Amino acid sequence: MPTTFDNRFVYEFVTLFVILDPVATIPLFLLVTAGLSRRQSLAVAGYALVVAFLVLLFFIAGGQFLLEALKIPMAAFQLAGSIILLLFGINMVLGRMAKDVEAIPSDTALLERAIFPLAIPGIAGAGAMLTVVLLTDNNSRTFAEQASTTGVLALCLVCLFLLFALSGVIFRLVGRAGIEVISRVFGLILASIAVNGLIVAIKLSFLLK
C-alpha cells in the first residue's frame, strides 16, 4: 500500500518544515556565509531558498512521472537518497564540510555559494524531494491540492529565510568554534536519520515488517 499524507494545512506545514530541517541547515548557513556582510549573507540565503524551491517544484510537477518512467520504485529512491544523506552527515561529523566551505575562494559568486551545499542537499535534500512527491501524489491529489501544497512549501521556505536572517545572533553568541561543534552534532543527527531511512527503504524493498 503506497504511503499517503493527509491533506491538511497544519499537517503539511509541520511535515515540510521538519523535513527541510532548519536546525541542521542553520549551522551550515553560518559556515557558508562566514566572513560575508549581512547583506551578502541574506542574498546567499535568498538564492539558496529560491534554488531549493525550484528543485522541489520540479519534483512536485514531474518527480512522480520521472520515477515511473524510469521504473524506479519509491523505496529505491528513498534508499539512494538516504545513502547521500548519510555521506553528507558523515562529512559534517568529521568536519570535512567545514573544510570544504573554507576552501571556497573569497571571490566566489554568492549564487555559487548558495547552491552547494546549502540549497542542495542541505535544504532540498532527498528527504524533502521524496516528501513533496508523496504529498502531491498524482493518483490521489487534485491540481488544486497540489497547488496548495506548493504554497505551503513556499511558506515554509519563507520561515526558513527568517531563521537564517536571525542566525547572526547565534553566531555572535557561540562563535565560529561553537558553530563547528553544533554542525558536527547535527551531522550525527542527520546520519542517524539517514540510517533510519535506509532501514525503512530496505524493509519496503523486501516487504519486511
N, C-alpha and C. Protein backbone atom coordinates (compact mmCIF):
# COMPACT_ATOMS: atom_id res chain seq x y z
N MET A 1 0.85 -1.19 0.00
CA MET A 1 0.00 0.00 0.00
C MET A 1 0.89 1.24 0.00
N PRO A 2 0.72 2.18 -0.94
CA PRO A 2 1.58 3.35 -1.01
C PRO A 2 1.38 4.27 0.18
N THR A 3 2.43 4.98 0.54
CA THR A 3 2.35 5.92 1.63
C THR A 3 1.58 7.15 1.19
N THR A 4 0.65 7.63 2.02
CA THR A 4 -0.12 8.82 1.70
C THR A 4 -0.08 9.77 2.88
N PHE A 5 -0.36 11.04 2.60
CA PHE A 5 -0.39 12.05 3.63
C PHE A 5 -1.76 12.71 3.65
N ASP A 6 -2.23 13.04 4.84
CA ASP A 6 -3.49 13.73 4.98
C ASP A 6 -3.32 15.16 4.48
N ASN A 7 -4.25 15.60 3.62
CA ASN A 7 -4.13 16.91 3.00
C ASN A 7 -4.68 17.99 3.93
N ARG A 8 -3.98 18.30 4.98
CA ARG A 8 -4.36 19.36 5.91
C ARG A 8 -3.21 20.35 6.01
N PHE A 9 -3.58 21.63 6.11
CA PHE A 9 -2.56 22.68 6.10
C PHE A 9 -1.53 22.48 7.22
N VAL A 10 -2.00 22.33 8.45
CA VAL A 10 -1.09 22.22 9.59
C VAL A 10 -0.20 21.00 9.44
N TYR A 11 -0.80 19.87 9.04
CA TYR A 11 -0.02 18.64 8.90
C TYR A 11 1.06 18.81 7.83
N GLU A 12 0.67 19.39 6.69
CA GLU A 12 1.63 19.57 5.61
C GLU A 12 2.72 20.56 6.00
N PHE A 13 2.32 21.64 6.68
CA PHE A 13 3.30 22.64 7.09
C PHE A 13 4.33 22.02 8.03
N VAL A 14 3.87 21.32 9.04
CA VAL A 14 4.79 20.70 10.01
C VAL A 14 5.66 19.66 9.32
N THR A 15 5.06 18.84 8.47
CA THR A 15 5.81 17.80 7.77
C THR A 15 6.92 18.40 6.92
N LEU A 16 6.58 19.42 6.13
CA LEU A 16 7.57 20.03 5.24
C LEU A 16 8.62 20.81 6.02
N PHE A 17 8.19 21.52 7.06
CA PHE A 17 9.14 22.33 7.83
C PHE A 17 10.16 21.43 8.52
N VAL A 18 9.70 20.31 9.06
CA VAL A 18 10.61 19.39 9.74
C VAL A 18 11.57 18.75 8.74
N ILE A 19 11.06 18.35 7.58
CA ILE A 19 11.91 17.67 6.61
C ILE A 19 12.92 18.63 5.98
N LEU A 20 12.62 19.93 5.96
CA LEU A 20 13.59 20.93 5.48
C LEU A 20 14.72 21.12 6.49
N ASP A 21 14.48 20.67 7.72
CA ASP A 21 15.50 20.59 8.77
C ASP A 21 16.23 21.91 9.02
N PRO A 22 15.52 22.94 9.49
CA PRO A 22 16.18 24.23 9.74
C PRO A 22 17.26 24.15 10.81
N VAL A 23 17.09 23.26 11.78
CA VAL A 23 18.07 23.15 12.87
C VAL A 23 19.44 22.74 12.33
N ALA A 24 19.45 21.85 11.36
CA ALA A 24 20.72 21.39 10.79
C ALA A 24 21.26 22.33 9.73
N THR A 25 20.36 23.03 9.01
CA THR A 25 20.83 23.89 7.92
C THR A 25 21.33 25.25 8.42
N ILE A 26 20.89 25.69 9.59
CA ILE A 26 21.37 26.97 10.12
C ILE A 26 22.88 26.95 10.38
N PRO A 27 23.43 25.91 11.05
CA PRO A 27 24.89 25.86 11.19
C PRO A 27 25.61 25.85 9.85
N LEU A 28 25.03 25.14 8.87
CA LEU A 28 25.61 25.08 7.54
C LEU A 28 25.58 26.47 6.88
N PHE A 29 24.47 27.17 7.05
CA PHE A 29 24.35 28.53 6.51
C PHE A 29 25.41 29.45 7.12
N LEU A 30 25.62 29.33 8.42
CA LEU A 30 26.61 30.17 9.09
C LEU A 30 28.02 29.87 8.60
N LEU A 31 28.30 28.60 8.30
CA LEU A 31 29.62 28.24 7.76
C LEU A 31 29.81 28.82 6.37
N VAL A 32 28.78 28.70 5.54
CA VAL A 32 28.86 29.16 4.15
C VAL A 32 29.01 30.68 4.07
N THR A 33 28.37 31.40 5.00
CA THR A 33 28.36 32.86 4.93
C THR A 33 29.37 33.52 5.87
N ALA A 34 30.24 32.71 6.48
CA ALA A 34 31.25 33.28 7.38
C ALA A 34 32.13 34.27 6.62
N GLY A 35 32.31 35.46 7.19
CA GLY A 35 33.15 36.49 6.56
C GLY A 35 32.40 37.40 5.61
N LEU A 36 31.13 37.10 5.34
CA LEU A 36 30.34 37.94 4.45
C LEU A 36 29.60 39.00 5.26
N SER A 37 29.24 40.09 4.60
CA SER A 37 28.44 41.11 5.26
C SER A 37 27.02 40.59 5.43
N ARG A 38 26.23 41.28 6.26
CA ARG A 38 24.86 40.84 6.49
C ARG A 38 24.06 40.85 5.19
N ARG A 39 24.26 41.86 4.39
CA ARG A 39 23.53 41.94 3.12
C ARG A 39 23.89 40.78 2.20
N GLN A 40 25.18 40.46 2.14
CA GLN A 40 25.62 39.33 1.31
C GLN A 40 25.09 38.01 1.86
N SER A 41 25.07 37.87 3.17
CA SER A 41 24.56 36.65 3.80
C SER A 41 23.09 36.45 3.48
N LEU A 42 22.32 37.54 3.55
CA LEU A 42 20.89 37.44 3.23
C LEU A 42 20.69 37.12 1.76
N ALA A 43 21.59 37.63 0.90
CA ALA A 43 21.50 37.31 -0.53
C ALA A 43 21.75 35.82 -0.75
N VAL A 44 22.74 35.26 -0.04
CA VAL A 44 23.03 33.83 -0.14
C VAL A 44 21.81 33.03 0.32
N ALA A 45 21.20 33.45 1.42
CA ALA A 45 20.01 32.77 1.93
C ALA A 45 18.89 32.81 0.89
N GLY A 46 18.67 33.99 0.30
CA GLY A 46 17.62 34.12 -0.71
C GLY A 46 17.87 33.24 -1.92
N TYR A 47 19.10 33.26 -2.43
CA TYR A 47 19.45 32.42 -3.57
C TYR A 47 19.24 30.94 -3.25
N ALA A 48 19.71 30.52 -2.08
CA ALA A 48 19.62 29.12 -1.69
C ALA A 48 18.17 28.66 -1.62
N LEU A 49 17.32 29.49 -1.05
CA LEU A 49 15.91 29.12 -0.89
C LEU A 49 15.18 29.11 -2.22
N VAL A 50 15.53 30.03 -3.12
CA VAL A 50 14.91 30.03 -4.45
C VAL A 50 15.33 28.78 -5.23
N VAL A 51 16.62 28.45 -5.17
CA VAL A 51 17.10 27.24 -5.86
C VAL A 51 16.43 26.00 -5.28
N ALA A 52 16.34 25.93 -3.95
CA ALA A 52 15.70 24.78 -3.30
C ALA A 52 14.24 24.68 -3.72
N PHE A 53 13.55 25.84 -3.78
CA PHE A 53 12.14 25.82 -4.18
C PHE A 53 11.98 25.32 -5.61
N LEU A 54 12.84 25.78 -6.53
CA LEU A 54 12.75 25.35 -7.92
C LEU A 54 13.00 23.86 -8.07
N VAL A 55 13.97 23.35 -7.30
CA VAL A 55 14.27 21.91 -7.35
C VAL A 55 13.06 21.11 -6.84
N LEU A 56 12.51 21.54 -5.71
CA LEU A 56 11.36 20.83 -5.14
C LEU A 56 10.12 20.99 -6.01
N LEU A 57 9.98 22.15 -6.65
CA LEU A 57 8.86 22.37 -7.57
C LEU A 57 8.95 21.41 -8.75
N PHE A 58 10.18 21.16 -9.22
CA PHE A 58 10.37 20.20 -10.30
C PHE A 58 9.86 18.82 -9.88
N PHE A 59 10.15 18.43 -8.64
CA PHE A 59 9.71 17.12 -8.16
C PHE A 59 8.21 17.10 -7.91
N ILE A 60 7.63 18.24 -7.54
CA ILE A 60 6.18 18.30 -7.39
C ILE A 60 5.50 18.12 -8.75
N ALA A 61 6.05 18.81 -9.75
CA ALA A 61 5.43 18.79 -11.08
C ALA A 61 5.70 17.50 -11.84
N GLY A 62 6.93 17.00 -11.73
CA GLY A 62 7.25 15.85 -12.58
C GLY A 62 8.02 14.73 -11.92
N GLY A 63 8.25 14.83 -10.61
CA GLY A 63 9.03 13.80 -9.94
C GLY A 63 8.43 12.41 -10.04
N GLN A 64 7.12 12.33 -9.80
CA GLN A 64 6.46 11.02 -9.86
C GLN A 64 6.46 10.47 -11.28
N PHE A 65 6.21 11.34 -12.26
CA PHE A 65 6.25 10.89 -13.66
C PHE A 65 7.64 10.38 -14.02
N LEU A 66 8.67 11.10 -13.56
CA LEU A 66 10.04 10.72 -13.86
C LEU A 66 10.38 9.36 -13.26
N LEU A 67 10.02 9.16 -12.00
CA LEU A 67 10.32 7.89 -11.35
C LEU A 67 9.57 6.74 -12.01
N GLU A 68 8.30 6.99 -12.37
CA GLU A 68 7.51 5.95 -13.03
C GLU A 68 8.05 5.65 -14.42
N ALA A 69 8.48 6.70 -15.14
CA ALA A 69 9.03 6.49 -16.49
C ALA A 69 10.31 5.67 -16.45
N LEU A 70 11.12 5.91 -15.42
CA LEU A 70 12.37 5.18 -15.27
C LEU A 70 12.19 3.86 -14.51
N LYS A 71 10.92 3.61 -14.12
CA LYS A 71 10.59 2.39 -13.36
C LYS A 71 11.40 2.28 -12.07
N ILE A 72 11.53 3.43 -11.39
CA ILE A 72 12.23 3.47 -10.11
C ILE A 72 11.20 3.51 -8.99
N PRO A 73 11.12 2.48 -8.16
CA PRO A 73 10.16 2.49 -7.05
C PRO A 73 10.55 3.51 -5.99
N MET A 74 9.56 3.97 -5.23
CA MET A 74 9.81 4.95 -4.18
C MET A 74 10.86 4.46 -3.19
N ALA A 75 10.81 3.15 -2.89
CA ALA A 75 11.76 2.59 -1.92
C ALA A 75 13.19 2.74 -2.40
N ALA A 76 13.41 2.54 -3.71
CA ALA A 76 14.76 2.66 -4.26
C ALA A 76 15.22 4.11 -4.22
N PHE A 77 14.29 5.04 -4.51
CA PHE A 77 14.63 6.47 -4.45
C PHE A 77 14.98 6.86 -3.02
N GLN A 78 14.21 6.35 -2.06
CA GLN A 78 14.48 6.65 -0.66
C GLN A 78 15.82 6.06 -0.23
N LEU A 79 16.13 4.87 -0.72
CA LEU A 79 17.39 4.22 -0.38
C LEU A 79 18.58 5.04 -0.89
N ALA A 80 18.49 5.45 -2.15
CA ALA A 80 19.58 6.26 -2.73
C ALA A 80 19.72 7.58 -2.00
N GLY A 81 18.58 8.22 -1.72
CA GLY A 81 18.62 9.49 -1.01
C GLY A 81 19.18 9.36 0.39
N SER A 82 18.87 8.26 1.06
CA SER A 82 19.37 8.04 2.42
C SER A 82 20.88 7.84 2.43
N ILE A 83 21.40 7.18 1.39
CA ILE A 83 22.85 6.98 1.29
C ILE A 83 23.55 8.33 1.12
N ILE A 84 22.99 9.18 0.26
CA ILE A 84 23.57 10.51 0.05
C ILE A 84 23.53 11.33 1.34
N LEU A 85 22.38 11.26 2.03
CA LEU A 85 22.24 11.99 3.29
C LEU A 85 23.21 11.47 4.34
N LEU A 86 23.44 10.15 4.34
CA LEU A 86 24.39 9.56 5.29
C LEU A 86 25.80 10.09 5.03
N LEU A 87 26.21 10.13 3.77
CA LEU A 87 27.53 10.65 3.43
C LEU A 87 27.65 12.13 3.81
N PHE A 88 26.57 12.87 3.58
CA PHE A 88 26.54 14.29 3.94
C PHE A 88 26.70 14.46 5.45
N GLY A 89 25.97 13.65 6.21
CA GLY A 89 26.07 13.71 7.67
C GLY A 89 27.44 13.33 8.18
N ILE A 90 28.04 12.30 7.58
CA ILE A 90 29.38 11.87 7.97
C ILE A 90 30.40 12.98 7.72
N ASN A 91 30.27 13.65 6.58
CA ASN A 91 31.18 14.76 6.28
C ASN A 91 31.06 15.88 7.30
N MET A 92 29.83 16.13 7.77
CA MET A 92 29.63 17.16 8.79
C MET A 92 30.25 16.73 10.12
N VAL A 93 30.07 15.46 10.48
CA VAL A 93 30.61 14.95 11.75
C VAL A 93 32.13 15.02 11.76
N LEU A 94 32.75 14.67 10.65
CA LEU A 94 34.21 14.64 10.56
C LEU A 94 34.82 16.02 10.31
N GLY A 95 33.98 17.01 10.13
CA GLY A 95 34.49 18.36 9.91
C GLY A 95 34.91 18.63 8.48
N ARG A 96 34.66 17.68 7.58
CA ARG A 96 35.05 17.87 6.19
C ARG A 96 34.23 18.95 5.53
N MET A 97 32.95 19.07 5.93
CA MET A 97 32.09 20.07 5.34
C MET A 97 32.63 21.47 5.62
N ALA A 98 33.08 21.68 6.87
CA ALA A 98 33.64 22.99 7.24
C ALA A 98 34.89 23.28 6.42
N LYS A 99 35.73 22.25 6.20
CA LYS A 99 36.95 22.44 5.42
C LYS A 99 36.62 22.75 3.96
N ASP A 100 35.59 22.05 3.43
CA ASP A 100 35.19 22.30 2.05
C ASP A 100 34.68 23.74 1.89
N VAL A 101 33.92 24.20 2.90
CA VAL A 101 33.39 25.56 2.84
C VAL A 101 34.51 26.58 2.94
N GLU A 102 35.49 26.30 3.82
CA GLU A 102 36.62 27.21 3.98
C GLU A 102 37.45 27.29 2.70
N ALA A 103 37.43 26.22 1.92
CA ALA A 103 38.22 26.18 0.68
C ALA A 103 37.58 26.98 -0.45
N ILE A 104 36.34 27.44 -0.24
CA ILE A 104 35.67 28.23 -1.27
C ILE A 104 36.41 29.56 -1.45
N PRO A 105 36.84 29.89 -2.65
CA PRO A 105 37.55 31.16 -2.87
C PRO A 105 36.72 32.36 -2.43
N SER A 106 37.37 33.38 -1.92
CA SER A 106 36.67 34.55 -1.41
C SER A 106 35.91 35.30 -2.50
N ASP A 107 36.35 35.15 -3.77
CA ASP A 107 35.68 35.86 -4.86
C ASP A 107 34.57 35.03 -5.51
N THR A 108 34.22 33.91 -4.87
CA THR A 108 33.15 33.07 -5.42
C THR A 108 31.83 33.82 -5.40
N ALA A 109 31.08 33.72 -6.49
CA ALA A 109 29.79 34.41 -6.58
C ALA A 109 28.84 33.91 -5.49
N LEU A 110 27.99 34.80 -5.03
CA LEU A 110 27.06 34.45 -3.96
C LEU A 110 26.13 33.30 -4.37
N LEU A 111 25.72 33.29 -5.63
CA LEU A 111 24.84 32.22 -6.11
C LEU A 111 25.54 30.87 -6.02
N GLU A 112 26.81 30.82 -6.37
CA GLU A 112 27.57 29.57 -6.29
C GLU A 112 27.69 29.10 -4.84
N ARG A 113 27.91 30.04 -3.93
CA ARG A 113 27.96 29.69 -2.51
C ARG A 113 26.64 29.09 -2.05
N ALA A 114 25.55 29.63 -2.61
CA ALA A 114 24.22 29.22 -2.14
C ALA A 114 23.81 27.84 -2.62
N ILE A 115 24.30 27.43 -3.80
CA ILE A 115 23.80 26.19 -4.38
C ILE A 115 24.29 24.96 -3.62
N PHE A 116 25.59 24.83 -3.43
CA PHE A 116 26.12 23.65 -2.74
C PHE A 116 27.05 24.10 -1.63
N PRO A 117 26.90 23.58 -0.43
CA PRO A 117 25.98 22.50 -0.02
C PRO A 117 24.70 22.99 0.63
N LEU A 118 24.42 24.30 0.56
CA LEU A 118 23.28 24.84 1.31
C LEU A 118 21.94 24.48 0.66
N ALA A 119 21.75 24.89 -0.61
CA ALA A 119 20.47 24.61 -1.27
C ALA A 119 20.29 23.12 -1.50
N ILE A 120 21.35 22.50 -2.04
CA ILE A 120 21.35 21.05 -2.31
C ILE A 120 22.64 20.47 -1.78
N PRO A 121 22.65 19.52 -0.89
CA PRO A 121 21.47 18.81 -0.37
C PRO A 121 21.00 19.31 0.99
N GLY A 122 21.48 20.51 1.42
CA GLY A 122 21.12 20.98 2.74
C GLY A 122 19.63 21.21 2.91
N ILE A 123 19.02 22.03 2.04
CA ILE A 123 17.59 22.33 2.15
C ILE A 123 16.78 21.36 1.31
N ALA A 124 17.07 21.30 0.02
CA ALA A 124 16.35 20.40 -0.88
C ALA A 124 17.08 19.07 -0.95
N GLY A 125 17.05 18.34 0.13
CA GLY A 125 17.69 17.04 0.18
C GLY A 125 16.77 15.94 -0.34
N ALA A 126 17.27 14.73 -0.31
CA ALA A 126 16.49 13.59 -0.81
C ALA A 126 15.19 13.41 -0.03
N GLY A 127 15.25 13.65 1.29
CA GLY A 127 14.05 13.50 2.11
C GLY A 127 12.98 14.49 1.70
N ALA A 128 13.39 15.73 1.43
CA ALA A 128 12.43 16.76 1.01
C ALA A 128 11.86 16.42 -0.37
N MET A 129 12.72 15.94 -1.27
CA MET A 129 12.24 15.56 -2.60
C MET A 129 11.21 14.45 -2.52
N LEU A 130 11.51 13.42 -1.73
CA LEU A 130 10.59 12.30 -1.58
C LEU A 130 9.28 12.76 -0.95
N THR A 131 9.37 13.63 0.05
CA THR A 131 8.18 14.09 0.76
C THR A 131 7.23 14.86 -0.15
N VAL A 132 7.78 15.78 -0.98
CA VAL A 132 6.89 16.56 -1.85
C VAL A 132 6.26 15.67 -2.92
N VAL A 133 6.96 14.63 -3.35
CA VAL A 133 6.37 13.70 -4.31
C VAL A 133 5.19 12.96 -3.68
N LEU A 134 5.37 12.54 -2.43
CA LEU A 134 4.30 11.81 -1.74
C LEU A 134 3.12 12.74 -1.41
N LEU A 135 3.42 13.97 -1.02
CA LEU A 135 2.35 14.91 -0.66
C LEU A 135 1.52 15.33 -1.87
N THR A 136 2.11 15.25 -3.05
CA THR A 136 1.40 15.68 -4.27
C THR A 136 1.16 14.50 -5.19
N ASP A 137 0.91 13.36 -4.62
CA ASP A 137 0.69 12.12 -5.37
C ASP A 137 -0.35 12.35 -6.48
N ASN A 138 0.08 12.12 -7.71
CA ASN A 138 -0.81 12.35 -8.86
C ASN A 138 -2.03 11.44 -8.87
N ASN A 139 -1.93 10.31 -8.19
CA ASN A 139 -3.03 9.34 -8.19
C ASN A 139 -4.12 9.68 -7.19
N SER A 140 -3.83 10.55 -6.24
CA SER A 140 -4.82 10.84 -5.20
C SER A 140 -5.06 12.33 -4.96
N ARG A 141 -4.21 13.20 -5.50
CA ARG A 141 -4.35 14.64 -5.27
C ARG A 141 -4.80 15.37 -6.52
N THR A 142 -5.72 16.31 -6.35
CA THR A 142 -6.16 17.14 -7.46
C THR A 142 -5.11 18.23 -7.70
N PHE A 143 -5.25 18.93 -8.84
CA PHE A 143 -4.31 20.01 -9.15
C PHE A 143 -4.40 21.10 -8.09
N ALA A 144 -5.61 21.41 -7.61
CA ALA A 144 -5.78 22.44 -6.58
C ALA A 144 -5.06 22.04 -5.29
N GLU A 145 -5.16 20.78 -4.93
CA GLU A 145 -4.48 20.30 -3.72
C GLU A 145 -2.97 20.36 -3.89
N GLN A 146 -2.49 20.03 -5.08
CA GLN A 146 -1.06 20.11 -5.34
C GLN A 146 -0.58 21.56 -5.29
N ALA A 147 -1.39 22.47 -5.81
CA ALA A 147 -1.04 23.90 -5.76
C ALA A 147 -1.02 24.38 -4.32
N SER A 148 -1.96 23.89 -3.51
CA SER A 148 -2.00 24.25 -2.09
C SER A 148 -0.74 23.79 -1.38
N THR A 149 -0.31 22.57 -1.67
CA THR A 149 0.91 22.03 -1.06
C THR A 149 2.12 22.85 -1.47
N THR A 150 2.14 23.29 -2.73
CA THR A 150 3.24 24.14 -3.21
C THR A 150 3.27 25.46 -2.44
N GLY A 151 2.09 26.01 -2.17
CA GLY A 151 2.01 27.23 -1.38
C GLY A 151 2.51 27.02 0.04
N VAL A 152 2.19 25.88 0.63
CA VAL A 152 2.67 25.56 1.98
C VAL A 152 4.19 25.45 1.98
N LEU A 153 4.74 24.84 0.93
CA LEU A 153 6.19 24.72 0.79
C LEU A 153 6.83 26.10 0.73
N ALA A 154 6.25 26.99 -0.05
CA ALA A 154 6.78 28.37 -0.16
C ALA A 154 6.75 29.06 1.19
N LEU A 155 5.68 28.86 1.95
CA LEU A 155 5.57 29.47 3.29
C LEU A 155 6.65 28.93 4.22
N CYS A 156 6.91 27.64 4.16
CA CYS A 156 7.97 27.03 4.97
C CYS A 156 9.33 27.63 4.64
N LEU A 157 9.57 27.86 3.36
CA LEU A 157 10.85 28.43 2.95
C LEU A 157 10.98 29.89 3.39
N VAL A 158 9.87 30.62 3.41
CA VAL A 158 9.90 32.00 3.93
C VAL A 158 10.26 31.98 5.41
N CYS A 159 9.68 31.04 6.16
CA CYS A 159 10.01 30.91 7.59
C CYS A 159 11.49 30.56 7.77
N LEU A 160 11.99 29.73 6.88
CA LEU A 160 13.40 29.35 6.94
C LEU A 160 14.30 30.56 6.67
N PHE A 161 13.87 31.41 5.75
CA PHE A 161 14.63 32.64 5.47
C PHE A 161 14.70 33.53 6.71
N LEU A 162 13.59 33.65 7.42
CA LEU A 162 13.57 34.46 8.64
C LEU A 162 14.52 33.90 9.68
N LEU A 163 14.59 32.57 9.78
CA LEU A 163 15.52 31.95 10.73
C LEU A 163 16.97 32.21 10.31
N PHE A 164 17.24 32.15 9.01
CA PHE A 164 18.58 32.47 8.51
C PHE A 164 18.94 33.92 8.85
N ALA A 165 17.95 34.81 8.71
CA ALA A 165 18.19 36.23 8.99
C ALA A 165 18.53 36.46 10.46
N LEU A 166 18.00 35.62 11.33
CA LEU A 166 18.25 35.75 12.77
C LEU A 166 19.47 34.95 13.23
N SER A 167 20.06 34.19 12.32
CA SER A 167 21.15 33.29 12.71
C SER A 167 22.42 34.04 13.13
N GLY A 168 22.53 35.30 12.71
CA GLY A 168 23.70 36.09 13.12
C GLY A 168 23.80 36.21 14.63
N VAL A 169 22.65 36.24 15.29
CA VAL A 169 22.64 36.31 16.75
C VAL A 169 23.30 35.05 17.33
N ILE A 170 22.99 33.91 16.73
CA ILE A 170 23.58 32.65 17.18
C ILE A 170 25.10 32.68 17.01
N PHE A 171 25.53 33.21 15.87
CA PHE A 171 26.97 33.27 15.60
C PHE A 171 27.69 34.14 16.62
N ARG A 172 27.09 35.27 16.96
CA ARG A 172 27.71 36.16 17.94
C ARG A 172 27.78 35.52 19.32
N LEU A 173 26.82 34.65 19.63
CA LEU A 173 26.79 34.02 20.95
C LEU A 173 27.79 32.89 21.08
N VAL A 174 27.91 32.06 20.05
CA VAL A 174 28.75 30.85 20.17
C VAL A 174 30.07 30.95 19.42
N GLY A 175 30.20 31.86 18.46
CA GLY A 175 31.44 31.98 17.72
C GLY A 175 31.61 30.88 16.68
N ARG A 176 32.69 30.99 15.89
CA ARG A 176 32.91 30.02 14.81
C ARG A 176 33.17 28.62 15.35
N ALA A 177 33.94 28.53 16.44
CA ALA A 177 34.23 27.22 17.02
C ALA A 177 32.94 26.55 17.49
N GLY A 178 32.06 27.33 18.08
CA GLY A 178 30.79 26.78 18.53
C GLY A 178 29.93 26.30 17.38
N ILE A 179 29.96 27.05 16.27
CA ILE A 179 29.20 26.66 15.09
C ILE A 179 29.70 25.32 14.54
N GLU A 180 31.03 25.15 14.53
CA GLU A 180 31.58 23.88 14.04
C GLU A 180 31.16 22.72 14.94
N VAL A 181 31.12 22.96 16.26
CA VAL A 181 30.68 21.91 17.18
C VAL A 181 29.22 21.57 16.92
N ILE A 182 28.38 22.61 16.79
CA ILE A 182 26.96 22.39 16.52
C ILE A 182 26.78 21.65 15.20
N SER A 183 27.57 22.05 14.19
CA SER A 183 27.49 21.40 12.88
C SER A 183 27.79 19.91 12.99
N ARG A 184 28.80 19.55 13.78
CA ARG A 184 29.15 18.13 13.93
C ARG A 184 28.07 17.35 14.67
N VAL A 185 27.49 18.00 15.68
CA VAL A 185 26.42 17.34 16.43
C VAL A 185 25.23 17.05 15.53
N PHE A 186 24.83 18.04 14.75
CA PHE A 186 23.68 17.84 13.88
C PHE A 186 24.03 16.98 12.67
N GLY A 187 25.31 16.91 12.34
CA GLY A 187 25.74 15.96 11.33
C GLY A 187 25.47 14.53 11.80
N LEU A 188 25.70 14.29 13.08
CA LEU A 188 25.42 12.97 13.66
C LEU A 188 23.93 12.68 13.63
N ILE A 189 23.12 13.71 13.91
CA ILE A 189 21.66 13.53 13.85
C ILE A 189 21.22 13.21 12.42
N LEU A 190 21.78 13.93 11.45
CA LEU A 190 21.46 13.66 10.05
C LEU A 190 21.84 12.25 9.65
N ALA A 191 23.02 11.80 10.11
CA ALA A 191 23.46 10.45 9.82
C ALA A 191 22.50 9.43 10.41
N SER A 192 22.00 9.70 11.62
CA SER A 192 21.05 8.80 12.26
C SER A 192 19.74 8.74 11.48
N ILE A 193 19.27 9.92 11.02
CA ILE A 193 18.06 9.96 10.20
C ILE A 193 18.26 9.17 8.91
N ALA A 194 19.45 9.30 8.32
CA ALA A 194 19.76 8.59 7.08
C ALA A 194 19.76 7.08 7.29
N VAL A 195 20.34 6.64 8.40
CA VAL A 195 20.37 5.20 8.70
C VAL A 195 18.94 4.67 8.87
N ASN A 196 18.10 5.46 9.56
CA ASN A 196 16.71 5.05 9.72
C ASN A 196 16.01 4.96 8.36
N GLY A 197 16.31 5.93 7.48
CA GLY A 197 15.74 5.90 6.13
C GLY A 197 16.20 4.67 5.35
N LEU A 198 17.46 4.31 5.53
CA LEU A 198 17.98 3.11 4.88
C LEU A 198 17.23 1.86 5.35
N ILE A 199 17.02 1.78 6.65
CA ILE A 199 16.32 0.62 7.22
C ILE A 199 14.90 0.52 6.67
N VAL A 200 14.21 1.67 6.66
CA VAL A 200 12.83 1.70 6.15
C VAL A 200 12.79 1.31 4.68
N ALA A 201 13.72 1.86 3.88
CA ALA A 201 13.74 1.58 2.45
C ALA A 201 14.04 0.10 2.18
N ILE A 202 14.94 -0.48 2.96
CA ILE A 202 15.26 -1.90 2.78
C ILE A 202 14.06 -2.77 3.13
N LYS A 203 13.35 -2.41 4.23
CA LYS A 203 12.14 -3.15 4.61
C LYS A 203 11.09 -3.08 3.53
N LEU A 204 10.91 -1.87 2.95
CA LEU A 204 9.91 -1.71 1.88
C LEU A 204 10.30 -2.50 0.63
N SER A 205 11.61 -2.51 0.34
CA SER A 205 12.08 -3.21 -0.86
C SER A 205 11.88 -4.72 -0.76
N PHE A 206 12.09 -5.26 0.43
CA PHE A 206 11.99 -6.71 0.62
C PHE A 206 10.72 -7.14 1.34
N LEU A 207 9.77 -6.17 1.48
CA LEU A 207 8.47 -6.45 2.10
C LEU A 207 8.63 -7.05 3.49
N LEU A 208 9.57 -6.47 4.26
CA LEU A 208 9.80 -6.94 5.62
C LEU A 208 8.99 -6.09 6.59
N LYS A 209 8.69 -6.66 7.74
CA LYS A 209 7.95 -5.93 8.77
C LYS A 209 8.90 -5.30 9.76
